[in-house]
Amino acid sequence: MGFEAMSSGGELRIRTLSTNSEVTLAISDEGNGIEQCMLEKLGTPFFTTKEQGTGLGLAVCYSIVSRHNGRISVETSPAGTTFYVYFIIE
Protein backbone atom coordinates (compact mmCIF):
# COMPACT_ATOMS: atom_id res chain seq x y z
CA MET A 1 0.00 0.00 0.00
CA GLY A 2 2.81 2.43 0.87
CA PHE A 3 4.53 2.06 -2.50
CA GLU A 4 1.24 2.63 -4.30
CA ALA A 5 0.55 5.79 -2.26
CA MET A 6 3.69 7.53 -3.52
CA SER A 7 4.81 8.97 -6.79
CA SER A 8 7.98 7.62 -8.35
CA GLY A 9 11.04 8.33 -6.25
CA GLY A 10 9.23 8.38 -2.91
CA GLU A 11 10.82 6.75 0.11
CA LEU A 12 9.26 3.94 2.14
CA ARG A 13 10.79 3.56 5.62
CA ILE A 14 10.44 0.50 7.85
CA ARG A 15 11.64 0.85 11.43
CA THR A 16 11.44 -1.18 14.59
CA LEU A 17 11.47 0.26 18.09
CA SER A 18 11.23 -1.33 21.48
CA THR A 19 10.52 -0.41 25.07
CA ASN A 20 10.41 -2.62 28.13
CA SER A 21 6.81 -3.55 27.37
CA GLU A 22 6.32 -3.27 23.58
CA VAL A 23 7.89 -3.85 20.21
CA THR A 24 6.75 -1.45 17.49
CA LEU A 25 6.92 -1.82 13.72
CA ALA A 26 6.61 1.56 11.96
CA ILE A 27 6.02 1.74 8.20
CA SER A 28 6.11 5.24 6.68
CA ASP A 29 5.51 6.49 3.15
CA GLU A 30 5.77 9.88 1.47
CA GLY A 31 2.36 9.76 -0.18
CA ASN A 32 -0.40 12.36 0.00
CA GLY A 33 -1.91 10.97 3.20
CA ILE A 34 -5.25 9.35 3.90
CA GLU A 35 -8.45 11.39 3.97
CA GLN A 36 -10.00 11.62 7.42
CA CYS A 37 -13.26 10.03 6.24
CA MET A 38 -11.29 6.97 5.05
CA LEU A 39 -9.34 6.49 8.31
CA GLU A 40 -12.29 5.05 10.23
CA LYS A 41 -12.89 2.50 7.47
CA LEU A 42 -9.33 1.13 7.41
CA GLY A 43 -9.30 -2.58 8.10
CA THR A 44 -12.95 -3.05 7.17
CA PRO A 45 -13.27 -6.16 4.99
CA PHE A 46 -13.95 -5.37 1.32
CA PHE A 47 -13.37 -1.62 1.74
CA THR A 48 -10.91 -0.44 -0.90
CA THR A 49 -9.95 2.70 -2.75
CA LYS A 50 -8.06 0.76 -5.41
CA GLU A 51 -9.52 0.03 -8.81
CA GLN A 52 -8.34 -3.59 -8.72
CA GLY A 53 -8.36 -4.02 -4.90
CA THR A 54 -10.29 -6.60 -2.92
CA GLY A 55 -10.30 -4.72 0.38
CA LEU A 56 -8.84 -7.68 2.22
CA GLY A 57 -5.18 -6.71 2.70
CA LEU A 58 -5.52 -4.40 5.69
CA ALA A 59 -8.43 -6.44 7.06
CA VAL A 60 -6.13 -9.47 7.23
CA CYS A 61 -3.36 -7.37 8.81
CA TYR A 62 -5.69 -6.01 11.50
CA SER A 63 -6.96 -9.54 12.19
CA ILE A 64 -3.46 -11.02 12.55
CA VAL A 65 -2.32 -8.23 14.85
CA SER A 66 -5.45 -8.56 16.97
CA ARG A 67 -4.97 -12.33 17.35
CA HIS A 68 -1.53 -11.59 18.78
CA ASN A 69 -2.96 -9.04 21.25
CA GLY A 70 -1.42 -6.19 19.29
CA ARG A 71 -2.83 -2.96 17.98
CA ILE A 72 -2.41 -0.70 14.97
CA SER A 73 -2.45 3.08 14.88
CA VAL A 74 -2.11 5.45 11.95
CA GLU A 75 -0.68 8.96 11.64
CA THR A 76 -1.33 10.73 8.36
CA SER A 77 -0.81 14.15 6.79
CA PRO A 78 -0.34 15.55 3.28
CA ALA A 79 3.37 14.68 3.69
CA GLY A 80 2.77 10.95 4.19
CA THR A 81 1.37 8.21 6.39
CA THR A 82 2.85 6.02 9.10
CA PHE A 83 1.29 2.78 10.30
CA TYR A 84 2.44 1.69 13.76
CA VAL A 85 1.99 -1.95 14.74
CA TYR A 86 2.43 -2.59 18.47
CA PHE A 87 3.05 -5.97 20.10
CA ILE A 88 3.26 -6.48 23.85
CA ILE A 89 6.41 -8.19 25.12
CA GLU A 90 5.42 -10.99 27.46
PDB file of N, CA and C in Angstrom:
ATOM      1  N   MET A   1       0.823  -1.182   0.000  1.00  0.00           N
ATOM      2  CA  MET A   1       0.000   0.000   0.000  1.00  0.00           C
ATOM      3  C   MET A   1       0.872   1.252   0.000  1.00  0.00           C
ATOM      4  N   GLY A   2       1.940   1.263   0.784  1.00  0.00           N
ATOM      5  CA  GLY A   2       2.806   2.430   0.866  1.00  0.00           C
ATOM      6  C   GLY A   2       3.436   2.796  -0.460  1.00  0.00           C
ATOM      7  N   PHE A   3       3.916   1.788  -1.192  1.00  0.00           N
ATOM      8  CA  PHE A   3       4.527   2.060  -2.495  1.00  0.00           C
ATOM      9  C   PHE A   3       3.499   2.656  -3.447  1.00  0.00           C
ATOM     10  N   GLU A   4       2.288   2.152  -3.397  1.00  0.00           N
ATOM     11  CA  GLU A   4       1.237   2.630  -4.296  1.00  0.00           C
ATOM     12  C   GLU A   4       0.768   4.035  -3.937  1.00  0.00           C
ATOM     13  N   ALA A   5       0.997   4.468  -2.706  1.00  0.00           N
ATOM     14  CA  ALA A   5       0.551   5.792  -2.263  1.00  0.00           C
ATOM     15  C   ALA A   5       1.484   6.901  -2.721  1.00  0.00           C
ATOM     16  N   MET A   6       2.682   6.526  -3.186  1.00  0.00           N
ATOM     17  CA  MET A   6       3.689   7.526  -3.517  1.00  0.00           C
ATOM     18  C   MET A   6       3.901   7.644  -5.018  1.00  0.00           C
ATOM     19  N   SER A   7       4.370   8.821  -5.408  1.00  0.00           N
ATOM     20  CA  SER A   7       4.807   8.973  -6.790  1.00  0.00           C
ATOM     21  C   SER A   7       6.206   8.374  -6.908  1.00  0.00           C
ATOM     22  N   SER A   8       6.662   8.207  -8.113  1.00  0.00           N
ATOM     23  CA  SER A   8       7.975   7.619  -8.355  1.00  0.00           C
ATOM     24  C   SER A   8       9.049   8.400  -7.613  1.00  0.00           C
ATOM     25  N   GLY A   9       9.958   7.688  -6.974  1.00  0.00           N
ATOM     26  CA  GLY A   9      11.045   8.325  -6.249  1.00  0.00           C
ATOM     27  C   GLY A   9      10.764   8.559  -4.777  1.00  0.00           C
ATOM     28  N   GLY A  10       9.551   8.230  -4.323  1.00  0.00           N
ATOM     29  CA  GLY A  10       9.228   8.383  -2.908  1.00  0.00           C
ATOM     30  C   GLY A  10       9.984   7.363  -2.067  1.00  0.00           C
ATOM     31  N   GLU A  11      10.089   7.640  -0.792  1.00  0.00           N
ATOM     32  CA  GLU A  11      10.824   6.754   0.107  1.00  0.00           C
ATOM     33  C   GLU A  11       9.854   6.054   1.057  1.00  0.00           C
ATOM     34  N   LEU A  12      10.016   4.737   1.185  1.00  0.00           N
ATOM     35  CA  LEU A  12       9.256   3.940   2.139  1.00  0.00           C
ATOM     36  C   LEU A  12      10.227   3.531   3.233  1.00  0.00           C
ATOM     37  N   ARG A  13       9.906   3.869   4.491  1.00  0.00           N
ATOM     38  CA  ARG A  13      10.787   3.560   5.617  1.00  0.00           C
ATOM     39  C   ARG A  13      10.130   2.521   6.511  1.00  0.00           C
ATOM     40  N   ILE A  14      10.900   1.526   6.913  1.00  0.00           N
ATOM     41  CA  ILE A  14      10.441   0.504   7.845  1.00  0.00           C
ATOM     42  C   ILE A  14      11.388   0.536   9.035  1.00  0.00           C
ATOM     43  N   ARG A  15      10.825   0.754  10.216  1.00  0.00           N
ATOM     44  CA  ARG A  15      11.639   0.852  11.425  1.00  0.00           C
ATOM     45  C   ARG A  15      11.058  -0.058  12.502  1.00  0.00           C
ATOM     46  N   THR A  16      11.897  -0.473  13.410  1.00  0.00           N
ATOM     47  CA  THR A  16      11.441  -1.179  14.595  1.00  0.00           C
ATOM     48  C   THR A  16      11.945  -0.424  15.814  1.00  0.00           C
ATOM     49  N   LEU A  17      11.129  -0.407  16.833  1.00  0.00           N
ATOM     50  CA  LEU A  17      11.467   0.264  18.085  1.00  0.00           C
ATOM     51  C   LEU A  17      11.044  -0.670  19.214  1.00  0.00           C
ATOM     52  N   SER A  18      11.663  -0.521  20.351  1.00  0.00           N
ATOM     53  CA  SER A  18      11.225  -1.335  21.482  1.00  0.00           C
ATOM     54  C   SER A  18      11.349  -0.554  22.778  1.00  0.00           C
ATOM     55  N   THR A  19      10.470  -0.904  23.705  1.00  0.00           N
ATOM     56  CA  THR A  19      10.517  -0.408  25.069  1.00  0.00           C
ATOM     57  C   THR A  19      10.554  -1.647  25.958  1.00  0.00           C
ATOM     58  N   ASN A  20      10.434  -1.460  27.240  1.00  0.00           N
ATOM     59  CA  ASN A  20      10.414  -2.618  28.133  1.00  0.00           C
ATOM     60  C   ASN A  20       9.147  -3.449  27.968  1.00  0.00           C
ATOM     61  N   SER A  21       8.077  -2.834  27.436  1.00  0.00           N
ATOM     62  CA  SER A  21       6.806  -3.546  27.369  1.00  0.00           C
ATOM     63  C   SER A  21       6.283  -3.802  25.957  1.00  0.00           C
ATOM     64  N   GLU A  22       6.844  -3.128  24.936  1.00  0.00           N
ATOM     65  CA  GLU A  22       6.318  -3.265  23.580  1.00  0.00           C
ATOM     66  C   GLU A  22       7.412  -3.273  22.524  1.00  0.00           C
ATOM     67  N   VAL A  23       7.103  -3.944  21.431  1.00  0.00           N
ATOM     68  CA  VAL A  23       7.890  -3.851  20.207  1.00  0.00           C
ATOM     69  C   VAL A  23       6.986  -3.176  19.184  1.00  0.00           C
ATOM     70  N   THR A  24       7.538  -2.209  18.461  1.00  0.00           N
ATOM     71  CA  THR A  24       6.749  -1.454  17.487  1.00  0.00           C
ATOM     72  C   THR A  24       7.378  -1.573  16.112  1.00  0.00           C
ATOM     73  N   LEU A  25       6.537  -1.845  15.124  1.00  0.00           N
ATOM     74  CA  LEU A  25       6.923  -1.824  13.721  1.00  0.00           C
ATOM     75  C   LEU A  25       6.292  -0.568  13.135  1.00  0.00           C
ATOM     76  N   ALA A  26       7.103   0.317  12.556  1.00  0.00           N
ATOM     77  CA  ALA A  26       6.609   1.556  11.961  1.00  0.00           C
ATOM     78  C   ALA A  26       6.912   1.546  10.473  1.00  0.00           C
ATOM     79  N   ILE A  27       5.875   1.737   9.658  1.00  0.00           N
ATOM     80  CA  ILE A  27       6.016   1.741   8.202  1.00  0.00           C
ATOM     81  C   ILE A  27       5.516   3.091   7.706  1.00  0.00           C
ATOM     82  N   SER A  28       6.422   3.875   7.094  1.00  0.00           N
ATOM     83  CA  SER A  28       6.108   5.239   6.684  1.00  0.00           C
ATOM     84  C   SER A  28       6.289   5.416   5.183  1.00  0.00           C
ATOM     85  N   ASP A  29       5.363   6.151   4.569  1.00  0.00           N
ATOM     86  CA  ASP A  29       5.507   6.487   3.152  1.00  0.00           C
ATOM     87  C   ASP A  29       5.488   8.004   2.990  1.00  0.00           C
ATOM     88  N   GLU A  30       5.774   8.455   1.796  1.00  0.00           N
ATOM     89  CA  GLU A  30       5.770   9.881   1.475  1.00  0.00           C
ATOM     90  C   GLU A  30       4.637  10.214   0.504  1.00  0.00           C
ATOM     91  N   GLY A  31       3.519   9.513   0.668  1.00  0.00           N
ATOM     92  CA  GLY A  31       2.357   9.760  -0.184  1.00  0.00           C
ATOM     93  C   GLY A  31       1.619  11.019   0.239  1.00  0.00           C
ATOM     94  N   ASN A  32       0.404  11.176  -0.267  1.00  0.00           N
ATOM     95  CA  ASN A  32      -0.402  12.361  -0.001  1.00  0.00           C
ATOM     96  C   ASN A  32      -1.243  12.252   1.265  1.00  0.00           C
ATOM     97  N   GLY A  33      -1.115  11.160   1.989  1.00  0.00           N
ATOM     98  CA  GLY A  33      -1.907  10.974   3.202  1.00  0.00           C
ATOM     99  C   GLY A  33      -3.241  10.312   2.919  1.00  0.00           C
ATOM    100  N   ILE A  34      -3.947  10.010   3.980  1.00  0.00           N
ATOM    101  CA  ILE A  34      -5.250   9.349   3.897  1.00  0.00           C
ATOM    102  C   ILE A  34      -6.300  10.345   4.361  1.00  0.00           C
ATOM    103  N   GLU A  35      -7.373  10.480   3.596  1.00  0.00           N
ATOM    104  CA  GLU A  35      -8.446  11.391   3.970  1.00  0.00           C
ATOM    105  C   GLU A  35      -9.071  10.947   5.282  1.00  0.00           C
ATOM    106  N   GLN A  36      -9.441  11.908   6.107  1.00  0.00           N
ATOM    107  CA  GLN A  36     -10.004  11.624   7.423  1.00  0.00           C
ATOM    108  C   GLN A  36     -11.212  10.684   7.342  1.00  0.00           C
ATOM    109  N   CYS A  37     -12.067  10.871   6.354  1.00  0.00           N
ATOM    110  CA  CYS A  37     -13.258  10.031   6.236  1.00  0.00           C
ATOM    111  C   CYS A  37     -12.905   8.571   5.910  1.00  0.00           C
ATOM    112  N   MET A  38     -11.730   8.333   5.372  1.00  0.00           N
ATOM    113  CA  MET A  38     -11.286   6.974   5.054  1.00  0.00           C
ATOM    114  C   MET A  38     -10.638   6.285   6.256  1.00  0.00           C
ATOM    115  N   LEU A  39     -10.071   7.060   7.182  1.00  0.00           N
ATOM    116  CA  LEU A  39      -9.341   6.487   8.312  1.00  0.00           C
ATOM    117  C   LEU A  39     -10.196   5.528   9.134  1.00  0.00           C
ATOM    118  N   GLU A  40     -11.438   5.903   9.398  1.00  0.00           N
ATOM    119  CA  GLU A  40     -12.289   5.049  10.230  1.00  0.00           C
ATOM    120  C   GLU A  40     -12.694   3.756   9.524  1.00  0.00           C
ATOM    121  N   LYS A  41     -12.535   3.696   8.226  1.00  0.00           N
ATOM    122  CA  LYS A  41     -12.894   2.496   7.466  1.00  0.00           C
ATOM    123  C   LYS A  41     -11.718   1.547   7.254  1.00  0.00           C
ATOM    124  N   LEU A  42     -10.500   1.982   7.605  1.00  0.00           N
ATOM    125  CA  LEU A  42      -9.329   1.135   7.408  1.00  0.00           C
ATOM    126  C   LEU A  42      -9.493  -0.181   8.149  1.00  0.00           C
ATOM    127  N   GLY A  43      -9.198  -1.266   7.486  1.00  0.00           N
ATOM    128  CA  GLY A  43      -9.302  -2.582   8.097  1.00  0.00           C
ATOM    129  C   GLY A  43     -10.666  -3.215   7.952  1.00  0.00           C
ATOM    130  N   THR A  44     -11.628  -2.488   7.400  1.00  0.00           N
ATOM    131  CA  THR A  44     -12.954  -3.046   7.175  1.00  0.00           C
ATOM    132  C   THR A  44     -12.891  -3.972   5.962  1.00  0.00           C
ATOM    133  N   PRO A  45     -13.318  -5.242   6.131  1.00  0.00           N
ATOM    134  CA  PRO A  45     -13.269  -6.160   4.987  1.00  0.00           C
ATOM    135  C   PRO A  45     -14.025  -5.615   3.780  1.00  0.00           C
ATOM    136  N   PHE A  46     -13.410  -5.744   2.633  1.00  0.00           N
ATOM    137  CA  PHE A  46     -13.948  -5.373   1.324  1.00  0.00           C
ATOM    138  C   PHE A  46     -14.004  -3.864   1.078  1.00  0.00           C
ATOM    139  N   PHE A  47     -13.486  -3.052   1.987  1.00  0.00           N
ATOM    140  CA  PHE A  47     -13.375  -1.619   1.736  1.00  0.00           C
ATOM    141  C   PHE A  47     -12.056  -1.370   1.023  1.00  0.00           C
ATOM    142  N   THR A  48     -12.119  -0.744  -0.140  1.00  0.00           N
ATOM    143  CA  THR A  48     -10.910  -0.444  -0.897  1.00  0.00           C
ATOM    144  C   THR A  48     -11.068   0.868  -1.652  1.00  0.00           C
ATOM    145  N   THR A  49      -9.957   1.511  -1.901  1.00  0.00           N
ATOM    146  CA  THR A  49      -9.949   2.704  -2.747  1.00  0.00           C
ATOM    147  C   THR A  49      -9.240   2.407  -4.066  1.00  0.00           C
ATOM    148  N   LYS A  50      -8.795   1.162  -4.214  1.00  0.00           N
ATOM    149  CA  LYS A  50      -8.058   0.763  -5.409  1.00  0.00           C
ATOM    150  C   LYS A  50      -9.008   0.208  -6.471  1.00  0.00           C
ATOM    151  N   GLU A  51      -8.696   0.508  -7.702  1.00  0.00           N
ATOM    152  CA  GLU A  51      -9.520   0.034  -8.809  1.00  0.00           C
ATOM    153  C   GLU A  51      -9.553  -1.490  -8.882  1.00  0.00           C
ATOM    154  N   GLN A  52      -8.432  -2.132  -8.635  1.00  0.00           N
ATOM    155  CA  GLN A  52      -8.344  -3.590  -8.716  1.00  0.00           C
ATOM    156  C   GLN A  52      -8.248  -4.245  -7.332  1.00  0.00           C
ATOM    157  N   GLY A  53      -8.515  -3.489  -6.256  1.00  0.00           N
ATOM    158  CA  GLY A  53      -8.359  -4.019  -4.905  1.00  0.00           C
ATOM    159  C   GLY A  53      -9.520  -4.892  -4.469  1.00  0.00           C
ATOM    160  N   THR A  54      -9.243  -5.757  -3.495  1.00  0.00           N
ATOM    161  CA  THR A  54     -10.289  -6.605  -2.918  1.00  0.00           C
ATOM    162  C   THR A  54     -10.748  -6.078  -1.565  1.00  0.00           C
ATOM    163  N   GLY A  55      -9.946  -5.220  -0.942  1.00  0.00           N
ATOM    164  CA  GLY A  55     -10.296  -4.721   0.377  1.00  0.00           C
ATOM    165  C   GLY A  55     -10.004  -5.715   1.481  1.00  0.00           C
ATOM    166  N   LEU A  56      -9.139  -6.673   1.211  1.00  0.00           N
ATOM    167  CA  LEU A  56      -8.836  -7.684   2.219  1.00  0.00           C
ATOM    168  C   LEU A  56      -7.452  -7.531   2.840  1.00  0.00           C
ATOM    169  N   GLY A  57      -6.554  -6.813   2.213  1.00  0.00           N
ATOM    170  CA  GLY A  57      -5.180  -6.705   2.696  1.00  0.00           C
ATOM    171  C   GLY A  57      -5.075  -6.164   4.113  1.00  0.00           C
ATOM    172  N   LEU A  58      -5.596  -4.971   4.349  1.00  0.00           N
ATOM    173  CA  LEU A  58      -5.522  -4.398   5.692  1.00  0.00           C
ATOM    174  C   LEU A  58      -6.428  -5.136   6.666  1.00  0.00           C
ATOM    175  N   ALA A  59      -7.552  -5.659   6.188  1.00  0.00           N
ATOM    176  CA  ALA A  59      -8.433  -6.438   7.063  1.00  0.00           C
ATOM    177  C   ALA A  59      -7.690  -7.647   7.623  1.00  0.00           C
ATOM    178  N   VAL A  60      -6.932  -8.315   6.781  1.00  0.00           N
ATOM    179  CA  VAL A  60      -6.134  -9.466   7.231  1.00  0.00           C
ATOM    180  C   VAL A  60      -5.058  -8.998   8.207  1.00  0.00           C
ATOM    181  N   CYS A  61      -4.389  -7.898   7.915  1.00  0.00           N
ATOM    182  CA  CYS A  61      -3.356  -7.371   8.812  1.00  0.00           C
ATOM    183  C   CYS A  61      -3.935  -7.050  10.191  1.00  0.00           C
ATOM    184  N   TYR A  62      -5.057  -6.343  10.227  1.00  0.00           N
ATOM    185  CA  TYR A  62      -5.687  -6.009  11.503  1.00  0.00           C
ATOM    186  C   TYR A  62      -6.070  -7.280  12.264  1.00  0.00           C
ATOM    187  N   SER A  63      -6.559  -8.279  11.567  1.00  0.00           N
ATOM    188  CA  SER A  63      -6.957  -9.538  12.193  1.00  0.00           C
ATOM    189  C   SER A  63      -5.758 -10.268  12.801  1.00  0.00           C
ATOM    190  N   ILE A  64      -4.671 -10.345  12.056  1.00  0.00           N
ATOM    191  CA  ILE A  64      -3.461 -11.022  12.550  1.00  0.00           C
ATOM    192  C   ILE A  64      -2.924 -10.306  13.784  1.00  0.00           C
ATOM    193  N   VAL A  65      -2.835  -9.002  13.721  1.00  0.00           N
ATOM    194  CA  VAL A  65      -2.315  -8.233  14.848  1.00  0.00           C
ATOM    195  C   VAL A  65      -3.216  -8.416  16.067  1.00  0.00           C
ATOM    196  N   SER A  66      -4.509  -8.381  15.872  1.00  0.00           N
ATOM    197  CA  SER A  66      -5.454  -8.560  16.970  1.00  0.00           C
ATOM    198  C   SER A  66      -5.306  -9.935  17.618  1.00  0.00           C
ATOM    199  N   ARG A  67      -5.125 -10.967  16.809  1.00  0.00           N
ATOM    200  CA  ARG A  67      -4.968 -12.325  17.353  1.00  0.00           C
ATOM    201  C   ARG A  67      -3.704 -12.466  18.190  1.00  0.00           C
ATOM    202  N   HIS A  68      -2.764 -11.569  18.007  1.00  0.00           N
ATOM    203  CA  HIS A  68      -1.532 -11.592  18.783  1.00  0.00           C
ATOM    204  C   HIS A  68      -1.546 -10.506  19.864  1.00  0.00           C
ATOM    205  N   ASN A  69      -2.751 -10.054  20.205  1.00  0.00           N
ATOM    206  CA  ASN A  69      -2.961  -9.040  21.249  1.00  0.00           C
ATOM    207  C   ASN A  69      -2.212  -7.738  20.959  1.00  0.00           C
ATOM    208  N   GLY A  70      -2.069  -7.426  19.693  1.00  0.00           N
ATOM    209  CA  GLY A  70      -1.422  -6.187  19.294  1.00  0.00           C
ATOM    210  C   GLY A  70      -2.447  -5.149  18.894  1.00  0.00           C
ATOM    211  N   ARG A  71      -1.948  -4.030  18.448  1.00  0.00           N
ATOM    212  CA  ARG A  71      -2.827  -2.957  17.979  1.00  0.00           C
ATOM    213  C   ARG A  71      -2.130  -2.192  16.869  1.00  0.00           C
ATOM    214  N   ILE A  72      -2.916  -1.501  16.081  1.00  0.00           N
ATOM    215  CA  ILE A  72      -2.405  -0.702  14.966  1.00  0.00           C
ATOM    216  C   ILE A  72      -2.917   0.718  15.132  1.00  0.00           C
ATOM    217  N   SER A  73      -2.026   1.685  14.929  1.00  0.00           N
ATOM    218  CA  SER A  73      -2.449   3.078  14.881  1.00  0.00           C
ATOM    219  C   SER A  73      -1.878   3.709  13.614  1.00  0.00           C
ATOM    220  N   VAL A  74      -2.494   4.799  13.196  1.00  0.00           N
ATOM    221  CA  VAL A  74      -2.110   5.451  11.945  1.00  0.00           C
ATOM    222  C   VAL A  74      -1.962   6.945  12.184  1.00  0.00           C
ATOM    223  N   GLU A  75      -0.865   7.511  11.681  1.00  0.00           N
ATOM    224  CA  GLU A  75      -0.682   8.964  11.639  1.00  0.00           C
ATOM    225  C   GLU A  75      -0.577   9.351  10.178  1.00  0.00           C
ATOM    226  N   THR A  76      -1.334  10.352   9.766  1.00  0.00           N
ATOM    227  CA  THR A  76      -1.333  10.733   8.359  1.00  0.00           C
ATOM    228  C   THR A  76      -1.399  12.250   8.211  1.00  0.00           C
ATOM    229  N   SER A  77      -0.795  12.723   7.136  1.00  0.00           N
ATOM    230  CA  SER A  77      -0.808  14.146   6.792  1.00  0.00           C
ATOM    231  C   SER A  77      -0.547  14.235   5.292  1.00  0.00           C
ATOM    232  N   PRO A  78      -0.646  15.409   4.708  1.00  0.00           N
ATOM    233  CA  PRO A  78      -0.344  15.546   3.280  1.00  0.00           C
ATOM    234  C   PRO A  78       1.101  15.177   2.930  1.00  0.00           C
ATOM    235  N   ALA A  79       1.970  15.041   3.940  1.00  0.00           N
ATOM    236  CA  ALA A  79       3.375  14.681   3.693  1.00  0.00           C
ATOM    237  C   ALA A  79       3.625  13.177   3.764  1.00  0.00           C
ATOM    238  N   GLY A  80       2.592  12.396   4.130  1.00  0.00           N
ATOM    239  CA  GLY A  80       2.773  10.954   4.193  1.00  0.00           C
ATOM    240  C   GLY A  80       1.995  10.306   5.323  1.00  0.00           C
ATOM    241  N   THR A  81       2.112   8.995   5.399  1.00  0.00           N
ATOM    242  CA  THR A  81       1.374   8.209   6.389  1.00  0.00           C
ATOM    243  C   THR A  81       2.317   7.228   7.064  1.00  0.00           C
ATOM    244  N   THR A  82       2.105   7.034   8.365  1.00  0.00           N
ATOM    245  CA  THR A  82       2.847   6.021   9.099  1.00  0.00           C
ATOM    246  C   THR A  82       1.866   5.099   9.801  1.00  0.00           C
ATOM    247  N   PHE A  83       2.036   3.806   9.572  1.00  0.00           N
ATOM    248  CA  PHE A  83       1.292   2.777  10.299  1.00  0.00           C
ATOM    249  C   PHE A  83       2.208   2.266  11.395  1.00  0.00           C
ATOM    250  N   TYR A  84       1.712   2.229  12.623  1.00  0.00           N
ATOM    251  CA  TYR A  84       2.438   1.690  13.760  1.00  0.00           C
ATOM    252  C   TYR A  84       1.749   0.395  14.191  1.00  0.00           C
ATOM    253  N   VAL A  85       2.513  -0.668  14.293  1.00  0.00           N
ATOM    254  CA  VAL A  85       1.989  -1.948  14.742  1.00  0.00           C
ATOM    255  C   VAL A  85       2.686  -2.272  16.063  1.00  0.00           C
ATOM    256  N   TYR A  86       1.900  -2.382  17.129  1.00  0.00           N
ATOM    257  CA  TYR A  86       2.435  -2.588  18.471  1.00  0.00           C
ATOM    258  C   TYR A  86       2.165  -4.010  18.943  1.00  0.00           C
ATOM    259  N   PHE A  87       3.186  -4.652  19.494  1.00  0.00           N
ATOM    260  CA  PHE A  87       3.054  -5.967  20.101  1.00  0.00           C
ATOM    261  C   PHE A  87       3.582  -5.896  21.526  1.00  0.00           C
ATOM    262  N   ILE A  88       2.847  -6.453  22.457  1.00  0.00           N
ATOM    263  CA  ILE A  88       3.255  -6.483  23.851  1.00  0.00           C
ATOM    264  C   ILE A  88       4.328  -7.550  24.034  1.00  0.00           C
ATOM    265  N   ILE A  89       5.370  -7.223  24.787  1.00  0.00           N
ATOM    266  CA  ILE A  89       6.414  -8.187  25.118  1.00  0.00           C
ATOM    267  C   ILE A  89       5.955  -8.909  26.382  1.00  0.00           C
ATOM    268  N   GLU A  90       5.879 -10.211  26.299  1.00  0.00           N
ATOM    269  CA  GLU A  90       5.424 -10.988  27.465  1.00  0.00           C
ATOM    270  C   GLU A  90       6.571 -11.686  28.124  1.00  0.00           C
TER     271      GLU A  90
END
